[in-house]
Amino acid sequence: MDSPAGYGIVSRTLHWLMAACFAWHFAGALLYVTVPEAGVTKLVGSTHFTMGFTLLVLVLLRGAWGLLNIRRRPPHPGRLGHLATMGHLVLYALMILIPSLALLRQYGSGEPFTPYGIPVMRGFEGKIAWMMAPGDLLHSFLGWVLLALILGHVAMALVHRYLWHDDVLGLMTRGRRRRV
């Protein structure tokens, strides 16, 4: 369980597992826009649907776990704490919206969707254009917005650690702040 002194093993594991999945996911996206025909791009790109589905499941689990622990989590006081909370809410909103748009587009395409061999959506003949349009319009753009916010999140963790010396990063690495 989480505590006011730090995040528990479940929160930390979900955070770092998602960080690794996002690193793989965004590496694939960056490869796709820089070297689209490279073998490594095709390898990483071939996992995009499954990884996106995995991230959606992880963010829903992490969100549910966070809500179960909401009264026990480390406090984020003051104006900066409020901004941090708002930033995290935007991250969560995008982490749910982006794969949801992809799932809507996938369904509208008429193609089956079977991550890990699990039939999530059956295919059908034809396409449903209105279901595909939001994903076509927003999925990629919002993905890049999410990457920018994640980089800002990482930058702020480093600012806390190396400029402000308050070891917020320790809450998500060790589960507690370093004793001074």
Foldseek 3Di string as FASTA:
>chain_A
DAAQFFGDPVLLVLVVVLVVLLVLQVVLVVCCVPPVPDPVNCVSVVCNLLSLVVLLVSLVVNVVVCVVCVVGHHQQDDPVSVVVVVLVVVLSVLSNVLSVLVVLLCQQQQPWDQRVNNGPDHGDPDGDVVSNVVNVPPNVVSSVVSVVSVVVVVVVQVCCVPPVVFQPVCSSVVVGRDDD
